[in-house]
Structures are given as structure tokens and as C-alpha cells.
PDB file of N, CA and C in Angstrom:
ATOM      1  N   MET A   1      -7.098  -5.257   0.252  1.00  0.00           N
ATOM      2  CA  MET A   1      -6.768  -5.516   1.615  1.00  0.00           C
ATOM      3  C   MET A   1      -7.951  -5.653   2.451  1.00  0.00           C
ATOM      4  N   GLU A   2      -7.819  -6.450   3.360  1.00  0.00           N
ATOM      5  CA  GLU A   2      -8.901  -6.759   4.486  1.00  0.00           C
ATOM      6  C   GLU A   2      -8.471  -6.553   5.783  1.00  0.00           C
ATOM      7  N   GLU A   3      -9.825  -6.223   6.463  1.00  0.00           N
ATOM      8  CA  GLU A   3      -9.499  -6.194   7.946  1.00  0.00           C
ATOM      9  C   GLU A   3     -10.043  -7.448   8.381  1.00  0.00           C
ATOM     10  N   ALA A   4      -9.323  -7.775   9.666  1.00  0.00           N
ATOM     11  CA  ALA A   4      -9.548  -9.012  10.388  1.00  0.00           C
ATOM     12  C   ALA A   4      -9.296  -8.880  11.759  1.00  0.00           C
ATOM     13  N   LYS A   5      -9.261  -9.867  12.622  1.00  0.00           N
ATOM     14  CA  LYS A   5      -8.840  -9.896  14.038  1.00  0.00           C
ATOM     15  C   LYS A   5      -7.984 -10.943  14.256  1.00  0.00           C
ATOM     16  N   CYS A   6      -6.880 -10.646  15.122  1.00  0.00           N
ATOM     17  CA  CYS A   6      -5.962 -11.603  15.496  1.00  0.00           C
ATOM     18  C   CYS A   6      -6.534 -12.605  16.216  1.00  0.00           C
ATOM     19  N   PRO A   7      -6.313 -13.785  15.851  1.00  0.00           N
ATOM     20  CA  PRO A   7      -6.882 -14.943  16.684  1.00  0.00           C
ATOM     21  C   PRO A   7      -6.423 -15.076  18.016  1.00  0.00           C
ATOM     22  N   GLU A   8      -5.294 -14.497  18.253  1.00  0.00           N
ATOM     23  CA  GLU A   8      -4.593 -14.670  19.674  1.00  0.00           C
ATOM     24  C   GLU A   8      -4.917 -13.446  20.647  1.00  0.00           C
ATOM     25  N   CYS A   9      -4.862 -12.217  20.176  1.00  0.00           N
ATOM     26  CA  CYS A   9      -4.884 -11.052  21.096  1.00  0.00           C
ATOM     27  C   CYS A   9      -6.126 -10.365  20.817  1.00  0.00           C
ATOM     28  N   HIS A  10      -7.015 -10.623  19.569  1.00  0.00           N
ATOM     29  CA  HIS A  10      -8.118 -10.261  19.082  1.00  0.00           C
ATOM     30  C   HIS A  10      -8.188  -8.500  18.567  1.00  0.00           C
ATOM     31  N   ALA A  11      -6.813  -8.160  18.220  1.00  0.00           N
ATOM     32  CA  ALA A  11      -6.622  -6.814  17.693  1.00  0.00           C
ATOM     33  C   ALA A  11      -7.056  -6.910  16.323  1.00  0.00           C
ATOM     34  N   ARG A  12      -7.314  -5.636  15.899  1.00  0.00           N
ATOM     35  CA  ARG A  12      -7.737  -5.647  14.487  1.00  0.00           C
ATOM     36  C   ARG A  12      -6.585  -5.490  13.693  1.00  0.00           C
ATOM     37  N   ILE A  13      -6.556  -6.044  12.544  1.00  0.00           N
ATOM     38  CA  ILE A  13      -5.249  -6.085  11.538  1.00  0.00           C
ATOM     39  C   ILE A  13      -5.770  -5.807  10.259  1.00  0.00           C
ATOM     40  N   GLY A  14      -4.931  -5.421   9.347  1.00  0.00           N
ATOM     41  CA  GLY A  14      -5.230  -5.215   8.042  1.00  0.00           C
ATOM     42  C   GLY A  14      -5.715  -3.668   7.828  1.00  0.00           C
ATOM     43  N   GLY A  15      -6.775  -3.602   7.002  1.00  0.00           N
ATOM     44  CA  GLY A  15      -7.339  -2.471   6.516  1.00  0.00           C
ATOM     45  C   GLY A  15      -8.373  -2.532   5.587  1.00  0.00           C
ATOM     46  N   THR A  16      -8.931  -1.314   5.117  1.00  0.00           N
ATOM     47  CA  THR A  16      -9.749  -1.460   4.079  1.00  0.00           C
ATOM     48  C   THR A  16      -9.421  -0.426   2.990  1.00  0.00           C
ATOM     49  N   ASN A  17      -9.911  -0.562   1.786  1.00  0.00           N
ATOM     50  CA  ASN A  17      -9.720   0.468   0.555  1.00  0.00           C
ATOM     51  C   ASN A  17      -8.430   0.830   0.339  1.00  0.00           C
ATOM     52  N   HIS A  18      -7.515  -0.334   0.491  1.00  0.00           N
ATOM     53  CA  HIS A  18      -5.984  -0.142   0.229  1.00  0.00           C
ATOM     54  C   HIS A  18      -5.165   0.762   1.490  1.00  0.00           C
ATOM     55  N   ARG A  19      -5.893   0.892   2.493  1.00  0.00           N
ATOM     56  CA  ARG A  19      -5.438   1.713   3.585  1.00  0.00           C
ATOM     57  C   ARG A  19      -5.200   0.808   4.833  1.00  0.00           C
ATOM     58  N   LEU A  20      -3.887   0.708   5.164  1.00  0.00           N
ATOM     59  CA  LEU A  20      -3.662   0.164   6.615  1.00  0.00           C
ATOM     60  C   LEU A  20      -4.059   0.820   7.650  1.00  0.00           C
ATOM     61  N   LEU A  21      -4.626  -0.017   8.567  1.00  0.00           N
ATOM     62  CA  LEU A  21      -5.187   0.673  10.008  1.00  0.00           C
ATOM     63  C   LEU A  21      -4.247   1.633  10.519  1.00  0.00           C
ATOM     64  N   THR A  22      -4.504   2.548  11.229  1.00  0.00           N
ATOM     65  CA  THR A  22      -3.566   3.601  11.663  1.00  0.00           C
ATOM     66  C   THR A  22      -2.668   2.971  12.810  1.00  0.00           C
ATOM     67  N   ASP A  23      -3.269   2.007  13.421  1.00  0.00           N
ATOM     68  CA  ASP A  23      -2.255   1.246  14.456  1.00  0.00           C
ATOM     69  C   ASP A  23      -1.646   0.095  14.011  1.00  0.00           C
ATOM     70  N   ASN A  24      -1.767  -0.216  12.764  1.00  0.00           N
ATOM     71  CA  ASN A  24      -1.017  -1.296  12.101  1.00  0.00           C
ATOM     72  C   ASN A  24       0.407  -0.807  11.375  1.00  0.00           C
ATOM     73  N   ALA A  25       1.362  -1.630  11.295  1.00  0.00           N
ATOM     74  CA  ALA A  25       2.511  -1.213  10.386  1.00  0.00           C
ATOM     75  C   ALA A  25       2.825  -2.437   9.452  1.00  0.00           C
ATOM     76  N   GLN A  26       3.386  -2.095   8.436  1.00  0.00           N
ATOM     77  CA  GLN A  26       3.934  -2.893   7.424  1.00  0.00           C
ATOM     78  C   GLN A  26       4.906  -4.106   8.158  1.00  0.00           C
ATOM     79  N   ALA A  27       4.691  -5.380   7.796  1.00  0.00           N
ATOM     80  CA  ALA A  27       5.560  -6.422   8.477  1.00  0.00           C
ATOM     81  C   ALA A  27       6.405  -7.099   7.103  1.00  0.00           C
ATOM     82  N   PRO A  28       7.418  -6.581   7.001  1.00  0.00           N
ATOM     83  CA  PRO A  28       8.225  -7.092   5.909  1.00  0.00           C
ATOM     84  C   PRO A  28       8.807  -8.509   6.051  1.00  0.00           C
ATOM     85  N   GLU A  29       8.885  -8.728   7.371  1.00  0.00           N
ATOM     86  CA  GLU A  29       9.265 -10.255   7.508  1.00  0.00           C
ATOM     87  C   GLU A  29       8.306 -11.372   7.095  1.00  0.00           C
ATOM     88  N   MET A  30       7.117 -10.929   6.672  1.00  0.00           N
ATOM     89  CA  MET A  30       6.129 -11.690   6.166  1.00  0.00           C
ATOM     90  C   MET A  30       6.356 -12.122   4.755  1.00  0.00           C
ATOM     91  N   ASP A  31       6.771 -11.275   4.009  1.00  0.00           N
ATOM     92  CA  ASP A  31       6.977 -11.621   2.408  1.00  0.00           C
ATOM     93  C   ASP A  31       8.238 -11.081   1.975  1.00  0.00           C
ATOM     94  N   ASN A  32       9.122 -10.779   2.720  1.00  0.00           N
ATOM     95  CA  ASN A  32      10.625 -10.269   2.592  1.00  0.00           C
ATOM     96  C   ASN A  32      10.589  -8.868   1.650  1.00  0.00           C
ATOM     97  N   ALA A  33       9.648  -8.290   1.869  1.00  0.00           N
ATOM     98  CA  ALA A  33       9.155  -6.917   1.108  1.00  0.00           C
ATOM     99  C   ALA A  33      10.253  -5.810   1.487  1.00  0.00           C
ATOM    100  N   GLU A  34      10.773  -5.094   0.788  1.00  0.00           N
ATOM    101  CA  GLU A  34      11.625  -4.178   1.063  1.00  0.00           C
ATOM    102  C   GLU A  34      10.670  -2.752   1.405  1.00  0.00           C
ATOM    103  N   ARG A  35       9.571  -2.841   0.819  1.00  0.00           N
ATOM    104  CA  ARG A  35       8.874  -1.777   1.128  1.00  0.00           C
ATOM    105  C   ARG A  35       7.249  -1.977   0.681  1.00  0.00           C
ATOM    106  N   PRO A  36       6.253  -1.269   1.256  1.00  0.00           N
ATOM    107  CA  PRO A  36       5.024  -1.763   0.944  1.00  0.00           C
ATOM    108  C   PRO A  36       4.567  -1.643  -0.392  1.00  0.00           C
ATOM    109  N   ILE A  37       3.516  -2.455  -1.013  1.00  0.00           N
ATOM    110  CA  ILE A  37       3.391  -2.508  -2.393  1.00  0.00           C
ATOM    111  C   ILE A  37       2.728  -1.270  -2.677  1.00  0.00           C
ATOM    112  N   TRP A  38       1.983  -0.568  -1.817  1.00  0.00           N
ATOM    113  CA  TRP A  38       1.555   0.758  -2.313  1.00  0.00           C
ATOM    114  C   TRP A  38       2.302   1.686  -2.631  1.00  0.00           C
ATOM    115  N   ASP A  39       3.763   1.599  -2.135  1.00  0.00           N
ATOM    116  CA  ASP A  39       4.686   2.718  -2.671  1.00  0.00           C
ATOM    117  C   ASP A  39       4.881   2.487  -4.225  1.00  0.00           C
ATOM    118  N   ASN A  40       4.885   1.089  -4.716  1.00  0.00           N
ATOM    119  CA  ASN A  40       5.089   0.798  -6.065  1.00  0.00           C
ATOM    120  C   ASN A  40       3.868   1.416  -6.889  1.00  0.00           C
ATOM    121  N   ILE A  41       2.846   1.260  -6.320  1.00  0.00           N
ATOM    122  CA  ILE A  41       1.496   1.927  -6.944  1.00  0.00           C
ATOM    123  C   ILE A  41       1.422   3.454  -7.090  1.00  0.00           C
ATOM    124  N   ASN A  42       1.871   4.039  -6.172  1.00  0.00           N
ATOM    125  CA  ASN A  42       1.990   5.418  -6.091  1.00  0.00           C
ATOM    126  C   ASN A  42       3.057   5.972  -7.149  1.00  0.00           C
ATOM    127  N   ALA A  43       4.304   5.296  -7.047  1.00  0.00           N
ATOM    128  CA  ALA A  43       5.330   5.616  -7.987  1.00  0.00           C
ATOM    129  C   ALA A  43       4.790   5.371  -9.565  1.00  0.00           C
ATOM    130  N   ASP A  44       4.059   4.297  -9.934  1.00  0.00           N
ATOM    131  CA  ASP A  44       3.483   3.935 -11.142  1.00  0.00           C
ATOM    132  C   ASP A  44       2.543   5.295 -11.524  1.00  0.00           C
ATOM    133  N   ARG A  45       1.809   5.682 -10.494  1.00  0.00           N
ATOM    134  CA  ARG A  45       0.710   6.736 -10.762  1.00  0.00           C
ATOM    135  C   ARG A  45       1.554   8.104 -11.258  1.00  0.00           C
ATOM    136  N   GLU A  46       2.469   8.323 -10.416  1.00  0.00           N
ATOM    137  CA  GLU A  46       3.380   9.478 -10.760  1.00  0.00           C
ATOM    138  C   GLU A  46       3.967   9.513 -11.883  1.00  0.00           C
ATOM    139  N   LEU A  47       4.462   8.406 -12.452  1.00  0.00           N
ATOM    140  CA  LEU A  47       5.155   8.187 -13.694  1.00  0.00           C
ATOM    141  C   LEU A  47       4.150   8.296 -14.724  1.00  0.00           C
ATOM    142  N   ALA A  48       3.146   7.963 -14.831  1.00  0.00           N
ATOM    143  CA  ALA A  48       1.883   7.971 -15.625  1.00  0.00           C
ATOM    144  C   ALA A  48       1.413   9.362 -15.933  1.00  0.00           C
ATOM    145  N   LEU A  49       1.303  10.003 -14.679  1.00  0.00           N
ATOM    146  CA  LEU A  49       1.114  11.616 -14.801  1.00  0.00           C
ATOM    147  C   LEU A  49       2.186  12.298 -15.476  1.00  0.00           C
ATOM    148  N   ARG A  50       3.379  12.032 -15.221  1.00  0.00           N
ATOM    149  CA  ARG A  50       4.564  12.776 -15.798  1.00  0.00           C
ATOM    150  C   ARG A  50       4.409  12.492 -17.289  1.00  0.00           C
ATOM    151  N   LEU A  51       4.339  11.200 -17.747  1.00  0.00           N
ATOM    152  CA  LEU A  51       4.338  10.812 -19.121  1.00  0.00           C
ATOM    153  C   LEU A  51       3.128  11.550 -19.969  1.00  0.00           C
ATOM    154  N   GLN A  52       1.983  11.638 -19.305  1.00  0.00           N
ATOM    155  CA  GLN A  52       0.813  12.173 -19.799  1.00  0.00           C
ATOM    156  C   GLN A  52       1.115  13.869 -19.990  1.00  0.00           C
ATOM    157  N   GLN A  53       1.749  14.433 -19.069  1.00  0.00           N
ATOM    158  CA  GLN A  53       2.043  15.727 -19.200  1.00  0.00           C
ATOM    159  C   GLN A  53       2.939  16.083 -20.323  1.00  0.00           C
ATOM    160  N   GLN A  54       4.107  15.185 -20.505  1.00  0.00           N
ATOM    161  CA  GLN A  54       4.890  15.205 -21.624  1.00  0.00           C
ATOM    162  C   GLN A  54       4.126  15.197 -23.044  1.00  0.00           C
ATOM    163  N   LEU A  55       3.221  14.172 -23.171  1.00  0.00           N
ATOM    164  CA  LEU A  55       2.450  13.971 -24.320  1.00  0.00           C
ATOM    165  C   LEU A  55       1.506  15.081 -24.573  1.00  0.00           C
ATOM    166  N   ASP A  56       1.121  15.680 -23.664  1.00  0.00           N
ATOM    167  CA  ASP A  56       0.153  16.800 -23.670  1.00  0.00           C
ATOM    168  C   ASP A  56       0.876  18.083 -24.257  1.00  0.00           C
ATOM    169  N   GLU A  57       2.259  18.012 -23.987  1.00  0.00           N
ATOM    170  CA  GLU A  57       3.000  19.310 -24.377  1.00  0.00           C
ATOM    171  C   GLU A  57       3.163  19.269 -26.108  1.00  0.00           C
ATOM    172  N   PHE A  58       3.195  17.988 -26.433  1.00  0.00           N
ATOM    173  CA  PHE A  58       3.330  17.835 -28.025  1.00  0.00           C
ATOM    174  C   PHE A  58       2.318  18.421 -28.783  1.00  0.00           C
TER     175      PHE A  58
END
């Protein structure tokens, strides 16, 4: 993710370190996304942790 300035109103947009600026919001109309990509990343991380816990129990 990258932080930039809107060329029209000069507001800060985007973010850094995979974190959206607090005064920004996801814009699904830009890419027809149903939810932000970081939701998928968090879900993948949770799944990996659960699978690792199951493997550790063996």
C-alpha cells in the first residue's frame, strides 16, 4: 500500500505498511471487491495457525 495525495483536493489517500489511513475507507467500486484484500490475508493467517495447532497435537 502506498500513501499519496489526491490531485483534486490534496487529501492524503492510501496508507503504509498494509494499513489504510484512518480517515480513508475501502472503495469497492474501484475493483468490484466485496471486501478488502487484507480480510483474506487475516483469514489465511488464522487458518494457518489452526492447522499448525492441529499438527502440534499429533
